[in-house]
Amino acid sequence: MSLHRNDLVFVLISVSIHAFGVINAVDVTASVSAAKPQQAPSYLSPGSSAVVSSPVFKPSVDSALSIGLLSSFPEDLEISEYCTGLLRLFGQRYVTYVDCLVPAARPVKVCQDCFTAYYSLVEVFQNISSDQMGPGNVSCRDSILRSDRLMLVFLLYSNLDTIWQKSNCQQCVTKDLKGQSNDTLYFLTLLNQTITCFEKYKQGNLTEVCKNCEVTYKRLNELYSGMEKNNTLCIDLEDAMNTTRKLWSKTFACSNHGEEMVSIIAVSSFMLFLPIIFYLSSFLHSEQKKRKLIHPKRAKSYTSLMNIQDKQS
C-alpha cells in the first residue's frame, strides 16, 4: 500500500515540474517579444503607438512574375485585329511626324520638311475616325476614340494638328497635301537666289552686297508683300523673310537711306508750305465773300436811281 502511495506522489511531482517548465518558457518568450516590439507599417507615422497587423500578400523576391492588368480581356470586350493594326500604324506615323518636327523647329521648316509625314498621319486617323466599316463590318471609331474618358488617340492627334494649323502650313502646300504650292516654290527660288547673292559678295566690302543684290532682294520683298495680301504665307516663309530682312538691314547695313531721305524731305516740305497754303486759301475765300456782299447793294442803288429819273421825266 505504501508502495502505491509513493508512486502516486512521484507522478504528481513530475507533472508539477513539467507544468512549471512550460509556464516559464511562455513567460520568457513573452518577455523577449515585449523587449523587441514589432516594426510599424510604413503608412503609420513614426510616433504612432498603434500597430495594425493585417494579412498582406508579399510576393516572393525571386519571382519573375509581376502584378498587373491582364494582357487581354474576353473577346467581346477587345478591339478587332483590324482596329489593332490601325492603332499600331497610327503610333508609328505619330512618331515619324514628331521626329520630323523637332529638327525643323529652327530654322522653321515644319511645312516644307514635314508635310509628307503629316499627310500620312491624317490618312490613318481618318481611317480610324471614319463611319465606314472595315473588314468584317467593323468600325474603329467607337472602340479606339470613344471607349474611355481620356480619348488618348484623339488627344494626341489634336495636339499635332494644332501645330499644323497655327503654322498655316495649309497655305504653302497643295490641297491634297502631296506637294508644295506654286507660290511657295517660286518664293523659295527667289529666296535662294538672294541668299546666294549675299554669300557671294559678303566676303569683300559690304557695300558690294547692297549694290549687287539690291534688285534680287527687292523682287523677293515685293513677292512677299503680295503673298501677305493674298494670305498665301506659312510660318516657314515668314521666318525665312524675317531672317533675310535682318541680314539686309542689320548685318549688311543695306537699308535704303536715299529713299528714306526723299520721303523725309517730301513730308517736311509739305508741312512747311501747309501754313502758306492755308492762309492763301483763307484770303481767297474771304475776298469771294466780300464780292458777294457788295454786288447786290450796287444793283439796288442803280435800280432806285433809274426809278427817280423816270418820275422826273
Protein backbone atom coordinates (compact mmCIF):
# COMPACT_ATOMS: atom_id res chain seq x y z
CA MET A 1 0.00 0.00 0.00
CA SER A 2 2.78 2.37 0.83
CA LEU A 3 4.48 1.48 -2.41
CA HIS A 4 1.48 2.56 -4.47
CA ARG A 5 1.23 5.75 -2.46
CA ASN A 6 4.86 6.59 -3.14
CA ASP A 7 4.36 6.01 -6.86
CA LEU A 8 1.39 8.37 -6.92
CA VAL A 9 3.35 11.09 -5.17
CA PHE A 10 6.21 10.70 -7.64
CA VAL A 11 3.85 11.08 -10.60
CA LEU A 12 2.29 14.23 -9.17
CA ILE A 13 5.72 15.76 -8.56
CA SER A 14 6.77 15.04 -12.18
CA VAL A 15 3.63 16.62 -13.60
CA SER A 16 4.14 19.73 -11.45
CA ILE A 17 7.75 20.12 -12.59
CA HIS A 18 6.74 19.75 -16.25
CA ALA A 19 3.95 22.35 -15.95
CA PHE A 20 6.30 24.77 -14.18
CA GLY A 21 8.82 24.47 -17.04
CA VAL A 22 6.21 25.16 -19.70
CA ILE A 23 4.96 28.27 -17.86
CA ASN A 24 8.49 29.62 -17.54
CA ALA A 25 9.11 29.06 -21.25
CA VAL A 26 5.98 31.01 -22.15
CA ASP A 27 6.97 33.84 -19.82
CA VAL A 28 10.44 34.04 -21.32
CA THR A 29 9.03 34.17 -24.86
CA ALA A 30 6.57 36.90 -23.90
CA SER A 31 9.28 38.97 -22.26
CA VAL A 32 11.52 38.70 -25.30
CA SER A 33 8.65 39.73 -27.54
CA ALA A 34 7.92 42.70 -25.32
CA ALA A 35 11.58 43.74 -25.36
CA LYS A 36 11.60 43.69 -29.19
CA PRO A 37 8.40 45.40 -30.41
CA GLN A 38 7.20 44.80 -33.94
CA GLN A 39 8.09 47.35 -36.63
CA ALA A 40 5.19 49.58 -37.58
CA PRO A 41 3.99 49.56 -41.21
CA SER A 42 5.30 52.25 -43.50
CA TYR A 43 1.95 54.01 -43.74
CA LEU A 44 1.94 54.76 -39.96
CA SER A 45 3.72 57.78 -38.59
CA PRO A 46 6.90 57.14 -36.56
CA GLY A 47 5.30 58.42 -33.35
CA SER A 48 2.14 56.37 -33.67
CA SER A 49 1.65 53.76 -30.97
CA ALA A 50 -0.97 51.79 -32.89
CA VAL A 51 0.31 48.71 -34.63
CA VAL A 52 -2.00 47.26 -37.24
CA SER A 53 -1.31 43.71 -38.21
CA SER A 54 -3.24 42.51 -41.21
CA PRO A 55 -2.66 39.67 -43.61
CA VAL A 56 -0.77 41.15 -46.56
CA PHE A 57 0.28 39.22 -49.62
CA LYS A 58 4.02 39.52 -50.14
CA PRO A 59 5.27 38.16 -53.46
CA SER A 60 8.47 36.23 -53.47
CA VAL A 61 11.60 38.27 -54.14
CA ASP A 62 12.87 35.70 -56.56
CA SER A 63 9.64 35.57 -58.51
CA ALA A 64 9.97 36.59 -62.17
CA LEU A 65 6.26 37.43 -62.42
CA SER A 66 4.91 40.98 -61.85
CA ILE A 67 1.45 42.00 -60.78
CA GLY A 68 -0.54 44.00 -63.33
CA LEU A 69 -3.62 44.02 -65.51
CA LEU A 70 -4.25 41.02 -67.63
CA SER A 71 -2.89 41.33 -71.15
CA SER A 72 -6.29 40.60 -72.64
CA PHE A 73 -9.97 40.71 -71.81
CA PRO A 74 -12.75 38.48 -73.03
CA GLU A 75 -13.20 38.54 -76.78
CA ASP A 76 -16.41 40.55 -76.71
CA LEU A 77 -14.57 43.45 -75.00
CA GLU A 78 -11.43 43.51 -77.14
CA ILE A 79 -10.95 45.56 -80.31
CA SER A 80 -10.69 43.71 -83.57
CA GLU A 81 -7.43 42.81 -85.25
CA TYR A 82 -8.18 45.38 -87.96
CA CYS A 83 -8.50 48.18 -85.39
CA THR A 84 -5.41 46.97 -83.56
CA GLY A 85 -3.46 47.23 -86.80
CA LEU A 86 -4.73 50.79 -87.37
CA LEU A 87 -3.77 51.74 -83.82
CA ARG A 88 -0.27 50.35 -84.30
CA LEU A 89 0.07 52.18 -87.63
CA PHE A 90 -1.11 55.43 -86.01
CA GLY A 91 1.61 55.11 -83.39
CA GLN A 92 4.30 54.55 -85.99
CA ARG A 93 3.26 57.55 -88.09
CA TYR A 94 2.84 59.72 -85.00
CA VAL A 95 6.44 59.05 -84.02
CA THR A 96 7.60 59.74 -87.58
CA TYR A 97 5.87 63.12 -87.63
CA VAL A 98 7.27 64.15 -84.23
CA ASP A 99 10.76 63.07 -85.28
CA CYS A 100 10.39 65.38 -88.28
CA LEU A 101 9.07 68.36 -86.33
CA VAL A 102 11.82 68.60 -83.73
CA PRO A 103 14.77 69.14 -86.14
CA ALA A 104 12.60 71.51 -88.21
CA ALA A 105 11.97 73.84 -85.26
CA ARG A 106 14.95 76.13 -86.01
CA PRO A 107 15.17 77.38 -88.67
CA VAL A 108 11.48 76.82 -89.12
CA LYS A 109 10.75 74.26 -91.83
CA VAL A 110 7.80 72.40 -90.34
CA CYS A 111 5.74 72.84 -93.51
CA GLN A 112 8.44 72.18 -96.10
CA ASP A 113 10.00 69.13 -94.48
CA CYS A 114 7.08 67.51 -92.66
CA PHE A 115 4.04 67.77 -94.91
CA THR A 116 4.52 64.18 -96.11
CA ALA A 117 4.61 62.84 -92.55
CA TYR A 118 1.57 64.93 -91.64
CA TYR A 119 -0.35 63.61 -94.65
CA SER A 120 0.40 60.02 -93.59
CA LEU A 121 -0.82 60.73 -90.05
CA VAL A 122 -4.02 62.36 -91.31
CA GLU A 123 -4.67 59.42 -93.58
CA VAL A 124 -4.57 56.80 -90.82
CA PHE A 125 -6.56 58.98 -88.40
CA GLN A 126 -9.30 59.41 -90.99
CA ASN A 127 -9.49 55.64 -91.31
CA ILE A 128 -9.85 55.34 -87.54
CA SER A 129 -12.47 58.06 -87.19
CA SER A 130 -14.47 57.12 -90.28
CA ASP A 131 -18.01 55.75 -90.09
CA GLN A 132 -17.26 53.34 -92.89
CA MET A 133 -16.99 49.72 -91.91
CA GLY A 134 -13.73 47.90 -92.32
CA PRO A 135 -13.17 44.19 -92.87
CA GLY A 136 -15.76 42.12 -91.07
CA ASN A 137 -18.14 45.12 -90.82
CA VAL A 138 -16.06 46.62 -88.03
CA SER A 139 -15.82 50.38 -87.24
CA CYS A 140 -12.86 51.51 -85.14
CA ARG A 141 -14.19 54.93 -84.22
CA ASP A 142 -16.04 53.87 -81.09
CA SER A 143 -13.58 51.25 -79.89
CA ILE A 144 -10.49 53.49 -80.23
CA LEU A 145 -11.72 57.06 -79.94
CA ARG A 146 -14.73 56.89 -77.64
CA SER A 147 -14.23 53.91 -75.39
CA ASP A 148 -12.83 55.87 -72.43
CA ARG A 149 -12.85 59.33 -70.89
CA LEU A 150 -9.26 60.20 -71.84
CA MET A 151 -9.63 59.54 -75.60
CA LEU A 152 -5.86 59.40 -75.91
CA VAL A 153 -5.64 58.85 -79.68
CA PHE A 154 -7.85 61.85 -80.37
CA LEU A 155 -5.87 63.96 -77.88
CA LEU A 156 -2.53 63.06 -79.47
CA TYR A 157 -3.79 63.81 -82.96
CA SER A 158 -5.37 67.11 -81.90
CA ASN A 159 -2.08 68.37 -80.44
CA LEU A 160 -0.16 67.76 -83.65
CA ASP A 161 -2.97 69.10 -85.79
CA THR A 162 -2.93 72.31 -83.73
CA ILE A 163 0.74 72.78 -84.62
CA TRP A 164 -0.10 72.36 -88.30
CA GLN A 165 -2.98 74.85 -88.15
CA LYS A 166 -1.05 77.51 -86.19
CA SER A 167 1.79 77.25 -88.67
CA ASN A 168 -0.63 77.95 -91.57
CA CYS A 169 1.01 75.10 -93.43
CA GLN A 170 -2.13 74.54 -95.47
CA GLN A 171 -1.37 77.81 -97.29
CA CYS A 172 2.01 76.56 -98.51
CA VAL A 173 1.03 73.10 -99.73
CA THR A 174 -1.45 71.73 -102.22
CA LYS A 175 -4.93 70.80 -101.13
CA ASP A 176 -4.17 67.09 -101.31
CA LEU A 177 -1.11 67.60 -99.03
CA LYS A 178 1.13 65.89 -101.57
CA GLY A 179 3.37 68.81 -102.53
CA GLN A 180 4.23 72.47 -102.07
CA SER A 181 2.19 75.14 -103.84
CA ASN A 182 3.50 77.02 -106.88
CA ASP A 183 3.66 80.32 -104.96
CA THR A 184 5.76 78.66 -102.27
CA LEU A 185 8.15 77.14 -104.80
CA TYR A 186 8.56 80.47 -106.60
CA PHE A 187 9.22 82.27 -103.32
CA LEU A 188 11.83 79.71 -102.30
CA THR A 189 13.52 80.11 -105.69
CA LEU A 190 13.87 83.89 -105.24
CA LEU A 191 14.94 83.37 -101.64
CA ASN A 192 17.73 81.01 -102.68
CA GLN A 193 18.88 83.49 -105.31
CA THR A 194 19.00 86.27 -102.73
CA ILE A 195 20.90 84.18 -100.16
CA THR A 196 23.33 83.04 -102.86
CA CYS A 197 23.99 86.66 -103.77
CA PHE A 198 24.61 87.50 -100.11
CA GLU A 199 27.10 84.66 -99.79
CA LYS A 200 28.89 85.70 -102.96
CA TYR A 201 29.59 89.33 -102.06
CA LYS A 202 29.75 89.33 -98.26
CA GLN A 203 33.45 88.38 -98.19
CA GLY A 204 34.55 91.79 -99.51
CA ASN A 205 33.17 95.23 -98.88
CA LEU A 206 29.61 95.08 -97.57
CA THR A 207 28.60 97.86 -99.92
CA GLU A 208 29.07 95.34 -102.73
CA VAL A 209 26.27 93.29 -101.23
CA CYS A 210 23.96 96.28 -101.20
CA LYS A 211 24.90 97.20 -104.75
CA ASN A 212 24.78 93.80 -106.44
CA CYS A 213 21.93 92.18 -104.51
CA GLU A 214 19.51 95.09 -104.37
CA VAL A 215 17.45 94.03 -107.39
CA THR A 216 17.06 90.43 -106.22
CA TYR A 217 16.20 91.50 -102.69
CA LYS A 218 13.57 93.98 -103.88
CA ARG A 219 11.91 91.32 -106.05
CA LEU A 220 11.79 88.98 -103.08
CA ASN A 221 10.38 91.69 -100.82
CA GLU A 222 7.69 92.63 -103.34
CA LEU A 223 6.70 89.00 -103.79
CA TYR A 224 6.42 88.54 -100.03
CA SER A 225 4.20 91.62 -99.70
CA GLY A 226 1.90 90.29 -102.42
CA MET A 227 1.67 86.86 -100.81
CA GLU A 228 0.92 88.50 -97.48
CA LYS A 229 -2.07 90.28 -99.00
CA ASN A 230 -3.27 87.07 -100.66
CA ASN A 231 -2.93 85.03 -97.46
CA THR A 232 -0.57 82.50 -99.04
CA LEU A 233 2.13 82.61 -96.36
CA CYS A 234 3.05 79.96 -93.82
CA ILE A 235 5.41 80.06 -90.87
CA ASP A 236 8.32 78.78 -92.97
CA LEU A 237 8.16 81.70 -95.39
CA GLU A 238 7.55 84.25 -92.64
CA ASP A 239 10.58 83.10 -90.68
CA ALA A 240 12.76 82.98 -93.80
CA MET A 241 11.78 86.52 -94.81
CA ASN A 242 12.36 87.90 -91.33
CA THR A 243 15.84 86.40 -91.32
CA THR A 244 16.59 87.80 -94.79
CA ARG A 245 15.47 91.27 -93.76
CA LYS A 246 17.69 91.16 -90.68
CA LEU A 247 20.65 90.22 -92.86
CA TRP A 248 19.89 93.03 -95.29
CA SER A 249 19.33 95.82 -92.78
CA LYS A 250 21.49 94.87 -89.77
CA THR A 251 24.24 92.54 -90.91
CA PHE A 252 24.95 94.22 -94.25
CA ALA A 253 23.54 97.68 -93.33
CA CYS A 254 21.81 97.93 -96.70
CA SER A 255 18.80 99.98 -95.66
CA ASN A 256 17.77 102.35 -98.45
CA HIS A 257 18.76 105.61 -96.81
CA GLY A 258 18.39 107.52 -100.10
CA GLU A 259 14.74 106.60 -100.48
CA GLU A 260 14.14 107.34 -96.81
CA MET A 261 15.68 110.81 -97.18
CA VAL A 262 13.48 111.56 -100.19
CA SER A 263 10.42 110.66 -98.19
CA ILE A 264 11.53 112.77 -95.25
CA ILE A 265 12.23 115.78 -97.46
CA ALA A 266 8.87 115.44 -99.20
CA VAL A 267 6.96 115.29 -95.91
CA SER A 268 8.95 118.18 -94.44
CA SER A 269 8.32 120.35 -97.49
CA PHE A 270 4.62 119.65 -97.34
CA MET A 271 4.50 120.57 -93.66
CA LEU A 272 6.47 123.77 -94.37
CA PHE A 273 4.15 125.00 -97.10
CA LEU A 274 0.98 123.89 -95.35
CA PRO A 275 0.51 127.17 -93.36
CA ILE A 276 1.09 129.24 -96.51
CA ILE A 277 -1.48 127.20 -98.39
CA PHE A 278 -3.91 127.57 -95.50
CA TYR A 279 -3.62 131.36 -95.25
CA LEU A 280 -3.77 131.80 -99.02
CA SER A 281 -6.93 129.74 -99.29
CA SER A 282 -8.47 131.69 -96.38
CA PHE A 283 -7.69 135.01 -98.06
CA LEU A 284 -9.18 133.98 -101.38
CA HIS A 285 -12.28 132.66 -99.65
CA SER A 286 -12.82 135.91 -97.73
CA GLU A 287 -12.41 138.03 -100.88
CA GLN A 288 -15.02 135.94 -102.63
CA LYS A 289 -17.47 136.56 -99.78
CA LYS A 290 -16.88 140.33 -99.98
CA ARG A 291 -17.73 140.37 -103.65
CA LYS A 292 -20.99 138.55 -103.00
CA LEU A 293 -21.99 141.09 -100.33
CA ILE A 294 -21.12 144.25 -102.33
CA HIS A 295 -22.67 143.28 -105.65
CA PRO A 296 -26.36 143.25 -104.53
CA LYS A 297 -26.05 146.75 -102.95
CA ARG A 298 -24.81 148.29 -106.19
CA ALA A 299 -27.62 146.69 -108.12
CA LYS A 300 -30.22 148.05 -105.68
CA SER A 301 -28.88 151.65 -105.81
CA TYR A 302 -28.78 151.58 -109.61
CA THR A 303 -32.43 150.45 -109.69
CA SER A 304 -33.57 153.25 -107.36
CA LEU A 305 -31.71 155.88 -109.47
CA MET A 306 -33.46 154.73 -112.59
CA ASN A 307 -36.85 154.99 -110.89
CA ILE A 308 -36.18 158.64 -109.87
CA GLN A 309 -35.22 159.57 -113.40
CA ASP A 310 -38.43 158.02 -114.75
CA LYS A 311 -40.54 160.05 -112.34
CA GLN A 312 -38.89 163.36 -113.32
CA SER A 313 -39.46 162.75 -117.00
